[in-house]
Amino acid sequence: MSDSVPESRVLVANEKLSDDDYHALNHHEDNVINHRLTWLLAGQPLLFLAYVTAAVKDPVDNNTNSIQQTLLEQIPLLGILMSVLIFAGILGAAFAMWALASRRASSGAGVTTPTTILGMVPPLTIPIVLCWVWWSIRKVAVATLLP
């Protein structure tokens, strides 16, 4: 199998993977992580922009003020929720990659456990950092912007 593993391919418990199968499955999981991280990094700036727009806009009347307050409360929660869900998806793909590595028939070409762990640091920490940023923004908003 060169580029992909056929969908009909079923992995049997404790079956060792050939290098081709391992690389195809590992490549798939790596792409899954990449796509999820891209969704997160594409969506967060839109939420930040919506939040800033709501924060700097002067309310026209009480109804507008109520909508603005709701946005200032809910947008950070949406940012946190998005980060948590994407983190769960990335973590699932990372666990799948580690499971694949344990079923590989050959030992691999110079890839060590520390190298693999270091490679997973950015996709695993970016959602956590964004959760912290949104939590901090919401804490400040509740203390200063909201009545």
N, C-alpha and C. Protein backbone atom coordinates (compact mmCIF):
# COMPACT_ATOMS: atom_id res chain seq x y z
N MET A 1 0.84 -1.18 0.00
CA MET A 1 0.00 0.00 0.00
C MET A 1 0.88 1.23 0.00
N SER A 2 0.74 2.04 -1.00
CA SER A 2 1.64 3.17 -1.11
C SER A 2 1.12 4.43 -0.44
N ASP A 3 -0.03 4.95 -0.87
CA ASP A 3 -0.48 6.22 -0.36
C ASP A 3 -1.60 6.13 0.66
N SER A 4 -2.45 5.16 0.54
CA SER A 4 -3.56 5.08 1.47
C SER A 4 -3.93 3.64 1.74
N VAL A 5 -4.55 3.46 2.88
CA VAL A 5 -5.02 2.14 3.25
C VAL A 5 -6.47 2.05 2.81
N PRO A 6 -6.84 1.00 2.07
CA PRO A 6 -8.23 0.89 1.63
C PRO A 6 -9.18 0.88 2.83
N GLU A 7 -10.37 1.45 2.64
CA GLU A 7 -11.34 1.53 3.72
C GLU A 7 -11.79 0.16 4.19
N SER A 8 -11.67 -0.84 3.32
CA SER A 8 -12.10 -2.18 3.69
C SER A 8 -11.07 -2.88 4.58
N ARG A 9 -9.90 -2.26 4.72
CA ARG A 9 -8.83 -2.85 5.52
C ARG A 9 -9.22 -2.81 6.99
N VAL A 10 -9.27 -3.95 7.65
CA VAL A 10 -9.60 -4.05 9.06
C VAL A 10 -8.36 -4.50 9.80
N LEU A 11 -8.02 -3.78 10.85
CA LEU A 11 -6.86 -4.15 11.65
C LEU A 11 -7.28 -5.18 12.70
N VAL A 12 -6.53 -6.24 12.75
CA VAL A 12 -6.80 -7.30 13.71
C VAL A 12 -6.01 -7.01 14.97
N ALA A 13 -6.57 -7.34 16.13
CA ALA A 13 -5.89 -7.09 17.40
C ALA A 13 -4.49 -7.69 17.39
N ASN A 14 -3.53 -6.92 17.86
CA ASN A 14 -2.13 -7.31 17.98
C ASN A 14 -1.44 -7.57 16.64
N GLU A 15 -2.07 -7.25 15.55
CA GLU A 15 -1.46 -7.41 14.23
C GLU A 15 -0.38 -6.35 14.06
N LYS A 16 0.79 -6.78 13.61
CA LYS A 16 1.88 -5.84 13.32
C LYS A 16 1.63 -5.21 11.95
N LEU A 17 1.90 -3.92 11.85
CA LEU A 17 1.68 -3.19 10.60
C LEU A 17 2.95 -3.17 9.77
N SER A 18 2.80 -3.38 8.48
CA SER A 18 3.94 -3.21 7.58
C SER A 18 4.29 -1.72 7.54
N ASP A 19 5.47 -1.41 7.04
CA ASP A 19 5.89 -0.01 6.95
C ASP A 19 4.92 0.80 6.09
N ASP A 20 4.46 0.23 4.98
CA ASP A 20 3.53 0.95 4.10
C ASP A 20 2.21 1.24 4.80
N ASP A 21 1.66 0.22 5.48
CA ASP A 21 0.40 0.42 6.21
C ASP A 21 0.59 1.45 7.32
N TYR A 22 1.69 1.32 8.06
CA TYR A 22 1.96 2.25 9.15
C TYR A 22 2.05 3.68 8.63
N HIS A 23 2.82 3.89 7.57
CA HIS A 23 2.99 5.25 7.04
C HIS A 23 1.68 5.82 6.51
N ALA A 24 0.87 5.00 5.86
CA ALA A 24 -0.41 5.48 5.34
C ALA A 24 -1.35 5.87 6.48
N LEU A 25 -1.45 5.03 7.50
CA LEU A 25 -2.33 5.33 8.62
C LEU A 25 -1.80 6.51 9.45
N ASN A 26 -0.50 6.56 9.66
CA ASN A 26 0.10 7.66 10.41
C ASN A 26 -0.09 8.98 9.66
N HIS A 27 0.07 8.93 8.34
CA HIS A 27 -0.12 10.13 7.51
C HIS A 27 -1.57 10.62 7.63
N HIS A 28 -2.51 9.69 7.64
CA HIS A 28 -3.92 10.05 7.80
C HIS A 28 -4.15 10.77 9.13
N GLU A 29 -3.64 10.21 10.22
CA GLU A 29 -3.83 10.83 11.54
C GLU A 29 -3.14 12.19 11.62
N ASP A 30 -1.98 12.30 11.00
CA ASP A 30 -1.27 13.59 10.97
C ASP A 30 -2.10 14.63 10.22
N ASN A 31 -2.72 14.23 9.13
CA ASN A 31 -3.60 15.14 8.39
C ASN A 31 -4.82 15.55 9.21
N VAL A 32 -5.35 14.60 9.97
CA VAL A 32 -6.49 14.91 10.84
C VAL A 32 -6.10 15.99 11.86
N ILE A 33 -4.93 15.85 12.47
CA ILE A 33 -4.45 16.84 13.42
C ILE A 33 -4.28 18.19 12.72
N ASN A 34 -3.67 18.17 11.55
CA ASN A 34 -3.46 19.41 10.79
C ASN A 34 -4.78 20.10 10.48
N HIS A 35 -5.78 19.35 10.03
CA HIS A 35 -7.07 19.95 9.69
C HIS A 35 -7.75 20.54 10.92
N ARG A 36 -7.73 19.83 12.02
CA ARG A 36 -8.38 20.34 13.24
C ARG A 36 -7.69 21.59 13.76
N LEU A 37 -6.37 21.59 13.73
CA LEU A 37 -5.64 22.77 14.18
C LEU A 37 -5.89 23.95 13.24
N THR A 38 -6.00 23.69 11.95
CA THR A 38 -6.31 24.75 10.99
C THR A 38 -7.69 25.32 11.25
N TRP A 39 -8.68 24.48 11.52
CA TRP A 39 -10.02 24.97 11.85
C TRP A 39 -9.97 25.88 13.07
N LEU A 40 -9.23 25.45 14.08
CA LEU A 40 -9.12 26.23 15.31
C LEU A 40 -8.47 27.58 15.03
N LEU A 41 -7.36 27.56 14.32
CA LEU A 41 -6.63 28.81 14.06
C LEU A 41 -7.35 29.70 13.06
N ALA A 42 -8.24 29.17 12.27
CA ALA A 42 -9.04 29.99 11.36
C ALA A 42 -10.25 30.58 12.08
N GLY A 43 -10.82 29.86 13.02
CA GLY A 43 -12.02 30.32 13.71
C GLY A 43 -11.76 31.30 14.84
N GLN A 44 -10.64 31.15 15.53
CA GLN A 44 -10.37 32.01 16.67
C GLN A 44 -10.26 33.50 16.31
N PRO A 45 -9.56 33.87 15.23
CA PRO A 45 -9.52 35.31 14.90
C PRO A 45 -10.90 35.90 14.63
N LEU A 46 -11.80 35.12 14.06
CA LEU A 46 -13.15 35.62 13.82
C LEU A 46 -13.87 35.88 15.15
N LEU A 47 -13.67 35.01 16.12
CA LEU A 47 -14.27 35.23 17.43
C LEU A 47 -13.64 36.44 18.13
N PHE A 48 -12.31 36.57 18.03
CA PHE A 48 -11.65 37.74 18.63
C PHE A 48 -12.17 39.03 17.99
N LEU A 49 -12.33 39.03 16.69
CA LEU A 49 -12.84 40.21 15.98
C LEU A 49 -14.27 40.53 16.43
N ALA A 50 -15.11 39.52 16.54
CA ALA A 50 -16.49 39.73 17.01
C ALA A 50 -16.49 40.28 18.43
N TYR A 51 -15.62 39.76 19.26
CA TYR A 51 -15.55 40.22 20.65
C TYR A 51 -15.12 41.68 20.73
N VAL A 52 -14.07 42.03 20.01
CA VAL A 52 -13.56 43.40 20.04
C VAL A 52 -14.62 44.36 19.49
N THR A 53 -15.30 43.96 18.43
CA THR A 53 -16.36 44.80 17.85
C THR A 53 -17.46 45.04 18.88
N ALA A 54 -17.85 44.01 19.61
CA ALA A 54 -18.89 44.16 20.63
C ALA A 54 -18.39 45.01 21.80
N ALA A 55 -17.11 44.88 22.13
CA ALA A 55 -16.57 45.59 23.29
C ALA A 55 -16.42 47.09 23.04
N VAL A 56 -16.09 47.49 21.84
CA VAL A 56 -15.83 48.92 21.57
C VAL A 56 -17.06 49.66 21.05
N LYS A 57 -18.09 48.94 20.69
CA LYS A 57 -19.30 49.56 20.13
C LYS A 57 -20.11 50.21 21.24
N ASP A 58 -20.49 51.49 21.05
CA ASP A 58 -21.35 52.17 22.02
C ASP A 58 -22.80 51.74 21.78
N PRO A 59 -23.48 51.29 22.84
CA PRO A 59 -24.87 50.85 22.66
C PRO A 59 -25.78 52.03 22.33
N VAL A 60 -26.70 51.80 21.42
CA VAL A 60 -27.63 52.84 20.99
C VAL A 60 -28.77 52.97 22.00
N ASP A 61 -29.27 51.86 22.50
CA ASP A 61 -30.38 51.87 23.45
C ASP A 61 -30.22 50.69 24.40
N ASN A 62 -31.19 50.50 25.29
CA ASN A 62 -31.11 49.41 26.27
C ASN A 62 -31.12 48.04 25.62
N ASN A 63 -31.87 47.88 24.54
CA ASN A 63 -31.93 46.59 23.84
C ASN A 63 -30.56 46.25 23.25
N THR A 64 -29.95 47.24 22.62
CA THR A 64 -28.60 47.03 22.05
C THR A 64 -27.61 46.73 23.16
N ASN A 65 -27.74 47.40 24.29
CA ASN A 65 -26.85 47.16 25.42
C ASN A 65 -26.99 45.73 25.93
N SER A 66 -28.22 45.21 25.97
CA SER A 66 -28.47 43.84 26.40
C SER A 66 -27.83 42.83 25.45
N ILE A 67 -27.96 43.08 24.16
CA ILE A 67 -27.34 42.20 23.16
C ILE A 67 -25.82 42.25 23.28
N GLN A 68 -25.29 43.44 23.47
CA GLN A 68 -23.84 43.62 23.61
C GLN A 68 -23.33 42.87 24.84
N GLN A 69 -24.02 42.96 25.95
CA GLN A 69 -23.61 42.25 27.16
C GLN A 69 -23.64 40.74 26.94
N THR A 70 -24.68 40.27 26.27
CA THR A 70 -24.77 38.84 25.97
C THR A 70 -23.59 38.39 25.12
N LEU A 71 -23.25 39.17 24.10
CA LEU A 71 -22.11 38.82 23.25
C LEU A 71 -20.81 38.81 24.05
N LEU A 72 -20.63 39.79 24.91
CA LEU A 72 -19.40 39.86 25.70
C LEU A 72 -19.29 38.70 26.69
N GLU A 73 -20.42 38.15 27.09
CA GLU A 73 -20.40 36.98 27.97
C GLU A 73 -20.22 35.69 27.19
N GLN A 74 -20.88 35.58 26.03
CA GLN A 74 -20.96 34.30 25.32
C GLN A 74 -19.80 34.04 24.35
N ILE A 75 -19.26 35.07 23.74
CA ILE A 75 -18.18 34.84 22.77
C ILE A 75 -16.97 34.16 23.42
N PRO A 76 -16.52 34.59 24.61
CA PRO A 76 -15.41 33.86 25.25
C PRO A 76 -15.76 32.39 25.55
N LEU A 77 -17.01 32.14 25.95
CA LEU A 77 -17.41 30.75 26.20
C LEU A 77 -17.38 29.92 24.92
N LEU A 78 -17.78 30.53 23.81
CA LEU A 78 -17.70 29.84 22.52
C LEU A 78 -16.25 29.56 22.14
N GLY A 79 -15.37 30.52 22.39
CA GLY A 79 -13.94 30.32 22.11
C GLY A 79 -13.36 29.18 22.94
N ILE A 80 -13.76 29.12 24.21
CA ILE A 80 -13.30 28.03 25.09
C ILE A 80 -13.85 26.70 24.60
N LEU A 81 -15.14 26.66 24.29
CA LEU A 81 -15.76 25.42 23.82
C LEU A 81 -15.11 24.93 22.54
N MET A 82 -14.88 25.84 21.60
CA MET A 82 -14.23 25.46 20.34
C MET A 82 -12.84 24.87 20.61
N SER A 83 -12.09 25.50 21.50
CA SER A 83 -10.73 25.02 21.82
C SER A 83 -10.76 23.65 22.48
N VAL A 84 -11.71 23.45 23.39
CA VAL A 84 -11.81 22.16 24.09
C VAL A 84 -12.18 21.04 23.12
N LEU A 85 -13.15 21.30 22.24
CA LEU A 85 -13.57 20.27 21.29
C LEU A 85 -12.45 19.93 20.30
N ILE A 86 -11.77 20.94 19.80
CA ILE A 86 -10.66 20.68 18.88
C ILE A 86 -9.53 19.96 19.61
N PHE A 87 -9.27 20.34 20.86
CA PHE A 87 -8.24 19.65 21.65
C PHE A 87 -8.57 18.17 21.79
N ALA A 88 -9.84 17.86 22.06
CA ALA A 88 -10.24 16.45 22.20
C ALA A 88 -10.00 15.70 20.90
N GLY A 89 -10.32 16.31 19.76
CA GLY A 89 -10.07 15.67 18.47
C GLY A 89 -8.60 15.46 18.19
N ILE A 90 -7.79 16.46 18.52
CA ILE A 90 -6.34 16.34 18.32
C ILE A 90 -5.77 15.26 19.24
N LEU A 91 -6.23 15.24 20.47
CA LEU A 91 -5.76 14.23 21.42
C LEU A 91 -6.12 12.83 20.94
N GLY A 92 -7.32 12.66 20.40
CA GLY A 92 -7.72 11.35 19.86
C GLY A 92 -6.81 10.91 18.72
N ALA A 93 -6.49 11.83 17.82
CA ALA A 93 -5.59 11.50 16.71
C ALA A 93 -4.19 11.19 17.22
N ALA A 94 -3.74 11.93 18.24
CA ALA A 94 -2.41 11.67 18.81
C ALA A 94 -2.36 10.28 19.45
N PHE A 95 -3.41 9.90 20.17
CA PHE A 95 -3.47 8.56 20.76
C PHE A 95 -3.46 7.49 19.66
N ALA A 96 -4.17 7.76 18.58
CA ALA A 96 -4.18 6.81 17.46
C ALA A 96 -2.78 6.65 16.87
N MET A 97 -2.05 7.77 16.76
CA MET A 97 -0.68 7.69 16.22
C MET A 97 0.22 6.88 17.15
N TRP A 98 0.07 7.10 18.46
CA TRP A 98 0.89 6.34 19.40
C TRP A 98 0.53 4.86 19.37
N ALA A 99 -0.76 4.56 19.21
CA ALA A 99 -1.18 3.16 19.11
C ALA A 99 -0.62 2.52 17.84
N LEU A 100 -0.62 3.26 16.74
CA LEU A 100 -0.05 2.75 15.49
C LEU A 100 1.43 2.47 15.65
N ALA A 101 2.13 3.36 16.33
CA ALA A 101 3.58 3.18 16.51
C ALA A 101 3.89 1.90 17.28
N SER A 102 3.03 1.55 18.23
CA SER A 102 3.27 0.33 19.01
C SER A 102 3.00 -0.93 18.20
N ARG A 103 2.28 -0.79 17.08
CA ARG A 103 1.95 -1.96 16.25
C ARG A 103 2.81 -2.04 15.00
N ARG A 104 3.79 -1.17 14.89
CA ARG A 104 4.65 -1.16 13.72
C ARG A 104 5.60 -2.35 13.75
N ALA A 105 5.75 -3.01 12.61
CA ALA A 105 6.60 -4.20 12.54
C ALA A 105 8.08 -3.85 12.67
N SER A 106 8.52 -2.78 12.03
CA SER A 106 9.94 -2.39 12.13
C SER A 106 10.08 -1.28 13.16
N SER A 107 11.31 -0.99 13.53
CA SER A 107 11.54 -0.05 14.61
C SER A 107 11.47 1.41 14.19
N GLY A 108 11.51 1.72 12.92
CA GLY A 108 11.47 3.11 12.48
C GLY A 108 12.86 3.64 12.20
N ALA A 109 12.91 4.70 11.45
CA ALA A 109 14.19 5.26 11.02
C ALA A 109 14.59 6.45 11.86
N GLY A 110 15.12 6.20 13.04
CA GLY A 110 15.66 7.27 13.86
C GLY A 110 14.65 8.13 14.58
N VAL A 111 13.38 7.78 14.53
CA VAL A 111 12.37 8.56 15.25
C VAL A 111 12.28 8.00 16.66
N THR A 112 12.54 8.87 17.62
CA THR A 112 12.54 8.44 19.02
C THR A 112 11.29 8.97 19.72
N THR A 113 11.02 8.43 20.87
CA THR A 113 9.87 8.88 21.65
C THR A 113 9.97 10.37 22.00
N PRO A 114 11.12 10.86 22.47
CA PRO A 114 11.21 12.31 22.75
C PRO A 114 10.94 13.17 21.52
N THR A 115 11.40 12.74 20.36
CA THR A 115 11.15 13.48 19.13
C THR A 115 9.66 13.53 18.82
N THR A 116 9.00 12.41 18.98
CA THR A 116 7.57 12.34 18.73
C THR A 116 6.81 13.23 19.70
N ILE A 117 7.18 13.19 20.97
CA ILE A 117 6.51 14.01 21.97
C ILE A 117 6.72 15.49 21.68
N LEU A 118 7.94 15.89 21.34
CA LEU A 118 8.19 17.29 21.01
C LEU A 118 7.39 17.73 19.80
N GLY A 119 7.21 16.85 18.84
CA GLY A 119 6.42 17.17 17.66
C GLY A 119 4.95 17.37 17.96
N MET A 120 4.47 16.78 19.05
CA MET A 120 3.06 16.91 19.42
C MET A 120 2.79 18.09 20.35
N VAL A 121 3.84 18.75 20.82
CA VAL A 121 3.65 19.87 21.75
C VAL A 121 2.80 20.99 21.15
N PRO A 122 3.11 21.51 19.95
CA PRO A 122 2.27 22.62 19.44
C PRO A 122 0.79 22.26 19.25
N PRO A 123 0.47 21.15 18.58
CA PRO A 123 -0.97 20.90 18.41
C PRO A 123 -1.71 20.62 19.71
N LEU A 124 -0.99 20.14 20.72
CA LEU A 124 -1.65 19.86 21.99
C LEU A 124 -1.71 21.08 22.91
N THR A 125 -0.80 22.03 22.76
CA THR A 125 -0.79 23.19 23.66
C THR A 125 -1.53 24.40 23.12
N ILE A 126 -1.62 24.55 21.81
CA ILE A 126 -2.31 25.73 21.25
C ILE A 126 -3.76 25.81 21.73
N PRO A 127 -4.54 24.72 21.68
CA PRO A 127 -5.92 24.83 22.21
C PRO A 127 -5.97 25.17 23.69
N ILE A 128 -5.03 24.66 24.47
CA ILE A 128 -5.00 24.96 25.91
C ILE A 128 -4.69 26.43 26.14
N VAL A 129 -3.74 26.96 25.40
CA VAL A 129 -3.39 28.38 25.52
C VAL A 129 -4.58 29.25 25.13
N LEU A 130 -5.28 28.89 24.06
CA LEU A 130 -6.44 29.67 23.64
C LEU A 130 -7.56 29.61 24.68
N CYS A 131 -7.73 28.48 25.34
CA CYS A 131 -8.71 28.39 26.44
C CYS A 131 -8.34 29.37 27.54
N TRP A 132 -7.06 29.38 27.90
CA TRP A 132 -6.60 30.28 28.94
C TRP A 132 -6.81 31.74 28.53
N VAL A 133 -6.52 32.11 27.28
CA VAL A 133 -6.70 33.48 26.80
C VAL A 133 -8.18 33.87 26.89
N TRP A 134 -9.06 33.00 26.40
CA TRP A 134 -10.49 33.31 26.45
C TRP A 134 -10.99 33.40 27.89
N TRP A 135 -10.51 32.53 28.76
CA TRP A 135 -10.91 32.58 30.16
C TRP A 135 -10.47 33.90 30.78
N SER A 136 -9.26 34.34 30.48
CA SER A 136 -8.75 35.61 31.00
C SER A 136 -9.56 36.78 30.47
N ILE A 137 -9.88 36.76 29.19
CA ILE A 137 -10.70 37.82 28.60
C ILE A 137 -12.07 37.87 29.27
N ARG A 138 -12.67 36.72 29.46
CA ARG A 138 -14.00 36.69 30.07
C ARG A 138 -13.95 37.18 31.51
N LYS A 139 -12.90 36.81 32.22
CA LYS A 139 -12.75 37.26 33.62
C LYS A 139 -12.65 38.78 33.69
N VAL A 140 -11.87 39.37 32.80
CA VAL A 140 -11.73 40.83 32.76
C VAL A 140 -13.05 41.48 32.35
N ALA A 141 -13.72 40.89 31.37
CA ALA A 141 -14.99 41.44 30.91
C ALA A 141 -16.04 41.44 32.01
N VAL A 142 -16.12 40.35 32.73
CA VAL A 142 -17.09 40.26 33.80
C VAL A 142 -16.77 41.29 34.90
N ALA A 143 -15.50 41.51 35.16
CA ALA A 143 -15.10 42.44 36.22
C ALA A 143 -15.23 43.90 35.80
N THR A 144 -15.05 44.21 34.51
CA THR A 144 -14.99 45.62 34.13
C THR A 144 -16.07 46.07 33.15
N LEU A 145 -16.37 45.26 32.15
CA LEU A 145 -17.27 45.70 31.09
C LEU A 145 -18.73 45.44 31.37
N LEU A 146 -19.00 44.38 32.11
CA LEU A 146 -20.39 43.99 32.35
C LEU A 146 -20.88 44.51 33.69
N PRO A 147 -22.15 44.95 33.76
CA PRO A 147 -22.66 45.48 35.04
C PRO A 147 -22.84 44.40 36.09
